[in-house]
Amino acid sequence: GLLSGAEYNVSVRAITTAFQGSVSSLKQY
């Protein structure tokens, strides 16, 4: 459901029961 021809920033973070990991990101059209 994203816009066509547009650039997006995506970030992912791992989650455990006691901790959130560092964020990894990318940009994609």
PDB file of all heavy atoms in Angstrom:
ATOM      1  N   GLY A   1       0.800  -1.214   0.000  1.00  0.00           N
ATOM      2  CA  GLY A   1       0.000   0.000   0.000  1.00  0.00           C
ATOM      3  C   GLY A   1       0.837   1.269   0.000  1.00  0.00           C
ATOM      4  O   GLY A   1       0.389   2.313   0.446  1.00  0.00           O
ATOM      5  N   LEU A   2       2.063   1.177  -0.519  1.00  0.00           N
ATOM      6  CA  LEU A   2       2.955   2.324  -0.561  1.00  0.00           C
ATOM      7  C   LEU A   2       2.708   3.122  -1.838  1.00  0.00           C
ATOM      8  O   LEU A   2       2.100   2.631  -2.787  1.00  0.00           O
ATOM      9  CB  LEU A   2       4.412   1.853  -0.503  1.00  0.00           C
ATOM     10  CG  LEU A   2       4.777   0.942   0.681  1.00  0.00           C
ATOM     11  CD1 LEU A   2       6.239   0.547   0.605  1.00  0.00           C
ATOM     12  CD2 LEU A   2       4.463   1.607   2.000  1.00  0.00           C
ATOM     13  N   LEU A   3       3.181   4.345  -1.863  1.00  0.00           N
ATOM     14  CA  LEU A   3       3.047   5.180  -3.052  1.00  0.00           C
ATOM     15  C   LEU A   3       4.042   4.740  -4.119  1.00  0.00           C
ATOM     16  O   LEU A   3       5.178   4.384  -3.801  1.00  0.00           O
ATOM     17  CB  LEU A   3       3.314   6.649  -2.692  1.00  0.00           C
ATOM     18  CG  LEU A   3       2.357   7.269  -1.680  1.00  0.00           C
ATOM     19  CD1 LEU A   3       2.822   8.674  -1.322  1.00  0.00           C
ATOM     20  CD2 LEU A   3       0.946   7.292  -2.215  1.00  0.00           C
ATOM     21  N   SER A   4       3.638   4.796  -5.373  1.00  0.00           N
ATOM     22  CA  SER A   4       4.535   4.373  -6.444  1.00  0.00           C
ATOM     23  C   SER A   4       5.614   5.419  -6.692  1.00  0.00           C
ATOM     24  O   SER A   4       5.383   6.614  -6.563  1.00  0.00           O
ATOM     25  CB  SER A   4       3.758   4.105  -7.730  1.00  0.00           C
ATOM     26  OG  SER A   4       3.324   5.318  -8.290  1.00  0.00           O
ATOM     27  N   GLY A   5       6.811   4.936  -7.022  1.00  0.00           N
ATOM     28  CA  GLY A   5       7.922   5.807  -7.359  1.00  0.00           C
ATOM     29  C   GLY A   5       8.428   6.640  -6.199  1.00  0.00           C
ATOM     30  O   GLY A   5       9.140   7.610  -6.409  1.00  0.00           O
ATOM     31  N   ALA A   6       8.079   6.272  -4.978  1.00  0.00           N
ATOM     32  CA  ALA A   6       8.471   7.054  -3.804  1.00  0.00           C
ATOM     33  C   ALA A   6       9.570   6.332  -3.024  1.00  0.00           C
ATOM     34  O   ALA A   6       9.680   5.114  -3.071  1.00  0.00           O
ATOM     35  CB  ALA A   6       7.266   7.277  -2.899  1.00  0.00           C
ATOM     36  N   GLU A   7      10.377   7.110  -2.282  1.00  0.00           N
ATOM     37  CA  GLU A   7      11.459   6.550  -1.477  1.00  0.00           C
ATOM     38  C   GLU A   7      10.994   6.416  -0.027  1.00  0.00           C
ATOM     39  O   GLU A   7      10.425   7.349   0.536  1.00  0.00           O
ATOM     40  CB  GLU A   7      12.699   7.429  -1.538  1.00  0.00           C
ATOM     41  CG  GLU A   7      13.878   6.842  -0.791  1.00  0.00           C
ATOM     42  CD  GLU A   7      15.112   7.734  -0.841  1.00  0.00           C
ATOM     43  OE1 GLU A   7      14.972   8.946  -1.093  1.00  0.00           O
ATOM     44  OE2 GLU A   7      16.210   7.212  -0.610  1.00  0.00           O
ATOM     45  N   TYR A   8      11.253   5.244   0.545  1.00  0.00           N
ATOM     46  CA  TYR A   8      10.864   4.960   1.922  1.00  0.00           C
ATOM     47  C   TYR A   8      12.089   4.635   2.766  1.00  0.00           C
ATOM     48  O   TYR A   8      13.053   4.053   2.267  1.00  0.00           O
ATOM     49  CB  TYR A   8       9.899   3.771   1.979  1.00  0.00           C
ATOM     50  CG  TYR A   8       8.510   4.143   1.545  1.00  0.00           C
ATOM     51  CD1 TYR A   8       8.159   4.149   0.204  1.00  0.00           C
ATOM     52  CD2 TYR A   8       7.558   4.521   2.476  1.00  0.00           C
ATOM     53  CE1 TYR A   8       6.890   4.515  -0.197  1.00  0.00           C
ATOM     54  CE2 TYR A   8       6.288   4.885   2.087  1.00  0.00           C
ATOM     55  CZ  TYR A   8       5.955   4.875   0.754  1.00  0.00           C
ATOM     56  OH  TYR A   8       4.698   5.247   0.357  1.00  0.00           O
ATOM     57  N   ASN A   9      12.032   4.992   4.043  1.00  0.00           N
ATOM     58  CA  ASN A   9      13.041   4.602   5.018  1.00  0.00           C
ATOM     59  C   ASN A   9      12.426   3.498   5.877  1.00  0.00           C
ATOM     60  O   ASN A   9      11.313   3.656   6.386  1.00  0.00           O
ATOM     61  CB  ASN A   9      13.445   5.786   5.890  1.00  0.00           C
ATOM     62  CG  ASN A   9      14.566   5.429   6.828  1.00  0.00           C
ATOM     63  OD1 ASN A   9      15.517   4.771   6.430  1.00  0.00           O
ATOM     64  ND2 ASN A   9      14.464   5.846   8.067  1.00  0.00           N
ATOM     65  N   VAL A  10      13.130   2.374   6.019  1.00  0.00           N
ATOM     66  CA  VAL A  10      12.645   1.234   6.803  1.00  0.00           C
ATOM     67  C   VAL A  10      13.666   0.944   7.890  1.00  0.00           C
ATOM     68  O   VAL A  10      14.867   0.860   7.615  1.00  0.00           O
ATOM     69  CB  VAL A  10      12.469  -0.019   5.914  1.00  0.00           C
ATOM     70  CG1 VAL A  10      11.960  -1.190   6.746  1.00  0.00           C
ATOM     71  CG2 VAL A  10      11.539   0.271   4.756  1.00  0.00           C
ATOM     72  N   SER A  11      13.187   0.771   9.130  1.00  0.00           N
ATOM     73  CA  SER A  11      14.055   0.427  10.252  1.00  0.00           C
ATOM     74  C   SER A  11      13.521  -0.817  10.938  1.00  0.00           C
ATOM     75  O   SER A  11      12.304  -0.977  11.078  1.00  0.00           O
ATOM     76  CB  SER A  11      14.109   1.566  11.276  1.00  0.00           C
ATOM     77  OG  SER A  11      14.631   2.727  10.693  1.00  0.00           O
ATOM     78  N   VAL A  12      14.440  -1.698  11.357  1.00  0.00           N
ATOM     79  CA  VAL A  12      14.065  -2.940  12.022  1.00  0.00           C
ATOM     80  C   VAL A  12      14.837  -3.043  13.328  1.00  0.00           C
ATOM     81  O   VAL A  12      16.043  -2.785  13.365  1.00  0.00           O
ATOM     82  CB  VAL A  12      14.374  -4.167  11.130  1.00  0.00           C
ATOM     83  CG1 VAL A  12      14.021  -5.464  11.847  1.00  0.00           C
ATOM     84  CG2 VAL A  12      13.643  -4.064   9.805  1.00  0.00           C
ATOM     85  N   ARG A  13      14.145  -3.444  14.394  1.00  0.00           N
ATOM     86  CA  ARG A  13      14.764  -3.625  15.704  1.00  0.00           C
ATOM     87  C   ARG A  13      14.329  -4.986  16.252  1.00  0.00           C
ATOM     88  O   ARG A  13      13.152  -5.322  16.222  1.00  0.00           O
ATOM     89  CB  ARG A  13      14.313  -2.517  16.648  1.00  0.00           C
ATOM     90  CG  ARG A  13      14.878  -2.626  18.043  1.00  0.00           C
ATOM     91  CD  ARG A  13      14.257  -1.614  18.989  1.00  0.00           C
ATOM     92  NE  ARG A  13      14.300  -0.280  18.451  1.00  0.00           N
ATOM     93  CZ  ARG A  13      15.078   0.696  18.918  1.00  0.00           C
ATOM     94  NH1 ARG A  13      15.867   0.485  19.928  1.00  0.00           N
ATOM     95  NH2 ARG A  13      15.053   1.888  18.369  1.00  0.00           N
ATOM     96  N   ALA A  14      15.291  -5.758  16.760  1.00  0.00           N
ATOM     97  CA  ALA A  14      14.998  -7.051  17.377  1.00  0.00           C
ATOM     98  C   ALA A  14      14.498  -6.828  18.799  1.00  0.00           C
ATOM     99  O   ALA A  14      14.975  -5.927  19.502  1.00  0.00           O
ATOM    100  CB  ALA A  14      16.243  -7.924  17.389  1.00  0.00           C
ATOM    101  N   ILE A  15      13.543  -7.652  19.230  1.00  0.00           N
ATOM    102  CA  ILE A  15      12.980  -7.533  20.570  1.00  0.00           C
ATOM    103  C   ILE A  15      13.087  -8.887  21.272  1.00  0.00           C
ATOM    104  O   ILE A  15      12.740  -9.918  20.700  1.00  0.00           O
ATOM    105  CB  ILE A  15      11.499  -7.115  20.498  1.00  0.00           C
ATOM    106  CG1 ILE A  15      11.369  -5.773  19.785  1.00  0.00           C
ATOM    107  CG2 ILE A  15      10.883  -7.067  21.887  1.00  0.00           C
ATOM    108  CD1 ILE A  15       9.954  -5.398  19.465  1.00  0.00           C
ATOM    109  N   THR A  16      13.566  -8.870  22.529  1.00  0.00           N
ATOM    110  CA  THR A  16      13.542 -10.059  23.386  1.00  0.00           C
ATOM    111  C   THR A  16      12.604  -9.755  24.541  1.00  0.00           C
ATOM    112  O   THR A  16      12.017  -8.675  24.618  1.00  0.00           O
ATOM    113  CB  THR A  16      14.950 -10.394  23.935  1.00  0.00           C
ATOM    114  OG1 THR A  16      15.305  -9.400  24.889  1.00  0.00           O
ATOM    115  CG2 THR A  16      15.980 -10.475  22.831  1.00  0.00           C
ATOM    116  N   THR A  17      12.459 -10.691  25.480  1.00  0.00           N
ATOM    117  CA  THR A  17      11.572 -10.446  26.618  1.00  0.00           C
ATOM    118  C   THR A  17      12.120  -9.367  27.535  1.00  0.00           C
ATOM    119  O   THR A  17      11.380  -8.773  28.295  1.00  0.00           O
ATOM    120  CB  THR A  17      11.367 -11.741  27.425  1.00  0.00           C
ATOM    121  OG1 THR A  17      12.646 -12.243  27.803  1.00  0.00           O
ATOM    122  CG2 THR A  17      10.606 -12.762  26.630  1.00  0.00           C
ATOM    123  N   ALA A  18      13.408  -9.091  27.510  1.00  0.00           N
ATOM    124  CA  ALA A  18      13.997  -8.132  28.440  1.00  0.00           C
ATOM    125  C   ALA A  18      14.768  -6.999  27.775  1.00  0.00           C
ATOM    126  O   ALA A  18      15.283  -6.138  28.459  1.00  0.00           O
ATOM    127  CB  ALA A  18      14.937  -8.875  29.389  1.00  0.00           C
ATOM    128  N   PHE A  19      14.841  -6.961  26.422  1.00  0.00           N
ATOM    129  CA  PHE A  19      15.763  -6.014  25.805  1.00  0.00           C
ATOM    130  C   PHE A  19      15.328  -5.737  24.372  1.00  0.00           C
ATOM    131  O   PHE A  19      14.788  -6.601  23.695  1.00  0.00           O
ATOM    132  CB  PHE A  19      17.174  -6.629  25.822  1.00  0.00           C
ATOM    133  CG  PHE A  19      18.249  -5.732  25.297  1.00  0.00           C
ATOM    134  CD1 PHE A  19      18.729  -4.686  26.046  1.00  0.00           C
ATOM    135  CD2 PHE A  19      18.783  -5.946  24.032  1.00  0.00           C
ATOM    136  CE1 PHE A  19      19.727  -3.854  25.565  1.00  0.00           C
ATOM    137  CE2 PHE A  19      19.775  -5.129  23.539  1.00  0.00           C
ATOM    138  CZ  PHE A  19      20.254  -4.083  24.316  1.00  0.00           C
ATOM    139  N   GLN A  20      15.577  -4.527  23.911  1.00  0.00           N
ATOM    140  CA  GLN A  20      15.416  -4.203  22.500  1.00  0.00           C
ATOM    141  C   GLN A  20      16.785  -3.962  21.907  1.00  0.00           C
ATOM    142  O   GLN A  20      17.590  -3.232  22.482  1.00  0.00           O
ATOM    143  CB  GLN A  20      14.569  -2.947  22.319  1.00  0.00           C
ATOM    144  CG  GLN A  20      13.119  -3.155  22.615  1.00  0.00           C
ATOM    145  CD  GLN A  20      12.288  -1.962  22.186  1.00  0.00           C
ATOM    146  OE1 GLN A  20      12.812  -0.968  21.710  1.00  0.00           O
ATOM    147  NE2 GLN A  20      10.992  -2.075  22.350  1.00  0.00           N
ATOM    148  N   GLY A  21      17.057  -4.589  20.783  1.00  0.00           N
ATOM    149  CA  GLY A  21      18.362  -4.451  20.133  1.00  0.00           C
ATOM    150  C   GLY A  21      18.494  -3.138  19.397  1.00  0.00           C
ATOM    151  O   GLY A  21      17.586  -2.315  19.354  1.00  0.00           O
ATOM    152  N   SER A  22      19.652  -2.938  18.794  1.00  0.00           N
ATOM    153  CA  SER A  22      19.899  -1.720  18.030  1.00  0.00           C
ATOM    154  C   SER A  22      19.114  -1.761  16.715  1.00  0.00           C
ATOM    155  O   SER A  22      18.719  -2.814  16.243  1.00  0.00           O
ATOM    156  CB  SER A  22      21.394  -1.565  17.763  1.00  0.00           C
ATOM    157  OG  SER A  22      21.863  -2.667  17.033  1.00  0.00           O
ATOM    158  N   VAL A  23      18.919  -0.604  16.140  1.00  0.00           N
ATOM    159  CA  VAL A  23      18.115  -0.470  14.929  1.00  0.00           C
ATOM    160  C   VAL A  23      18.998  -0.604  13.697  1.00  0.00           C
ATOM    161  O   VAL A  23      20.099  -0.081  13.654  1.00  0.00           O
ATOM    162  CB  VAL A  23      17.414   0.908  14.910  1.00  0.00           C
ATOM    163  CG1 VAL A  23      16.719   1.145  13.587  1.00  0.00           C
ATOM    164  CG2 VAL A  23      16.426   1.015  16.053  1.00  0.00           C
ATOM    165  N   SER A  24      18.493  -1.308  12.686  1.00  0.00           N
ATOM    166  CA  SER A  24      19.116  -1.347  11.363  1.00  0.00           C
ATOM    167  C   SER A  24      18.136  -0.716  10.392  1.00  0.00           C
ATOM    168  O   SER A  24      16.937  -0.967  10.476  1.00  0.00           O
ATOM    169  CB  SER A  24      19.419  -2.784  10.940  1.00  0.00           C
ATOM    170  OG  SER A  24      20.446  -3.315  11.716  1.00  0.00           O
ATOM    171  N   SER A  25      18.640   0.095   9.469  1.00  0.00           N
ATOM    172  CA  SER A  25      17.756   0.823   8.563  1.00  0.00           C
ATOM    173  C   SER A  25      18.211   0.692   7.120  1.00  0.00           C
ATOM    174  O   SER A  25      19.371   0.396   6.851  1.00  0.00           O
ATOM    175  CB  SER A  25      17.735   2.315   8.926  1.00  0.00           C
ATOM    176  OG  SER A  25      17.258   2.513  10.215  1.00  0.00           O
ATOM    177  N   LEU A  26      17.286   0.937   6.209  1.00  0.00           N
ATOM    178  CA  LEU A  26      17.595   1.013   4.780  1.00  0.00           C
ATOM    179  C   LEU A  26      16.626   1.978   4.134  1.00  0.00           C
ATOM    180  O   LEU A  26      15.593   2.315   4.704  1.00  0.00           O
ATOM    181  CB  LEU A  26      17.539  -0.363   4.116  1.00  0.00           C
ATOM    182  CG  LEU A  26      16.224  -1.151   4.094  1.00  0.00           C
ATOM    183  CD1 LEU A  26      15.273  -0.647   3.027  1.00  0.00           C
ATOM    184  CD2 LEU A  26      16.531  -2.605   3.832  1.00  0.00           C
ATOM    185  N   LYS A  27      16.969   2.428   2.932  1.00  0.00           N
ATOM    186  CA  LYS A  27      16.090   3.276   2.133  1.00  0.00           C
ATOM    187  C   LYS A  27      15.795   2.539   0.840  1.00  0.00           C
ATOM    188  O   LYS A  27      16.682   1.933   0.249  1.00  0.00           O
ATOM    189  CB  LYS A  27      16.751   4.615   1.835  1.00  0.00           C
ATOM    190  CG  LYS A  27      16.946   5.453   3.067  1.00  0.00           C
ATOM    191  CD  LYS A  27      17.660   6.738   2.742  1.00  0.00           C
ATOM    192  CE  LYS A  27      17.911   7.493   4.028  1.00  0.00           C
ATOM    193  NZ  LYS A  27      18.771   8.649   3.813  1.00  0.00           N
ATOM    194  N   GLN A  28      14.530   2.589   0.398  1.00  0.00           N
ATOM    195  CA  GLN A  28      14.136   1.867  -0.802  1.00  0.00           C
ATOM    196  C   GLN A  28      13.035   2.620  -1.524  1.00  0.00           C
ATOM    197  O   GLN A  28      12.114   3.126  -0.904  1.00  0.00           O
ATOM    198  CB  GLN A  28      13.634   0.467  -0.436  1.00  0.00           C
ATOM    199  CG  GLN A  28      13.138  -0.345  -1.613  1.00  0.00           C
ATOM    200  CD  GLN A  28      14.220  -0.618  -2.640  1.00  0.00           C
ATOM    201  OE1 GLN A  28      15.324  -0.959  -2.268  1.00  0.00           O
ATOM    202  NE2 GLN A  28      13.905  -0.479  -3.910  1.00  0.00           N
ATOM    203  N   TYR A  29      13.127   2.672  -2.853  1.00  0.00           N
ATOM    204  CA  TYR A  29      12.076   3.232  -3.695  1.00  0.00           C
ATOM    205  C   TYR A  29      11.129   2.120  -4.123  1.00  0.00           C
ATOM    206  O   TYR A  29      11.530   0.956  -4.243  1.00  0.00           O
ATOM    207  CB  TYR A  29      12.667   3.831  -4.979  1.00  0.00           C
ATOM    208  CG  TYR A  29      13.289   5.182  -4.806  1.00  0.00           C
ATOM    209  CD1 TYR A  29      14.642   5.317  -4.525  1.00  0.00           C
ATOM    210  CD2 TYR A  29      12.527   6.333  -4.951  1.00  0.00           C
ATOM    211  CE1 TYR A  29      15.216   6.568  -4.383  1.00  0.00           C
ATOM    212  CE2 TYR A  29      13.096   7.593  -4.814  1.00  0.00           C
ATOM    213  CZ  TYR A  29      14.440   7.703  -4.532  1.00  0.00           C
ATOM    214  OH  TYR A  29      15.002   8.933  -4.396  1.00  0.00           O
TER     215      TYR A  29
END
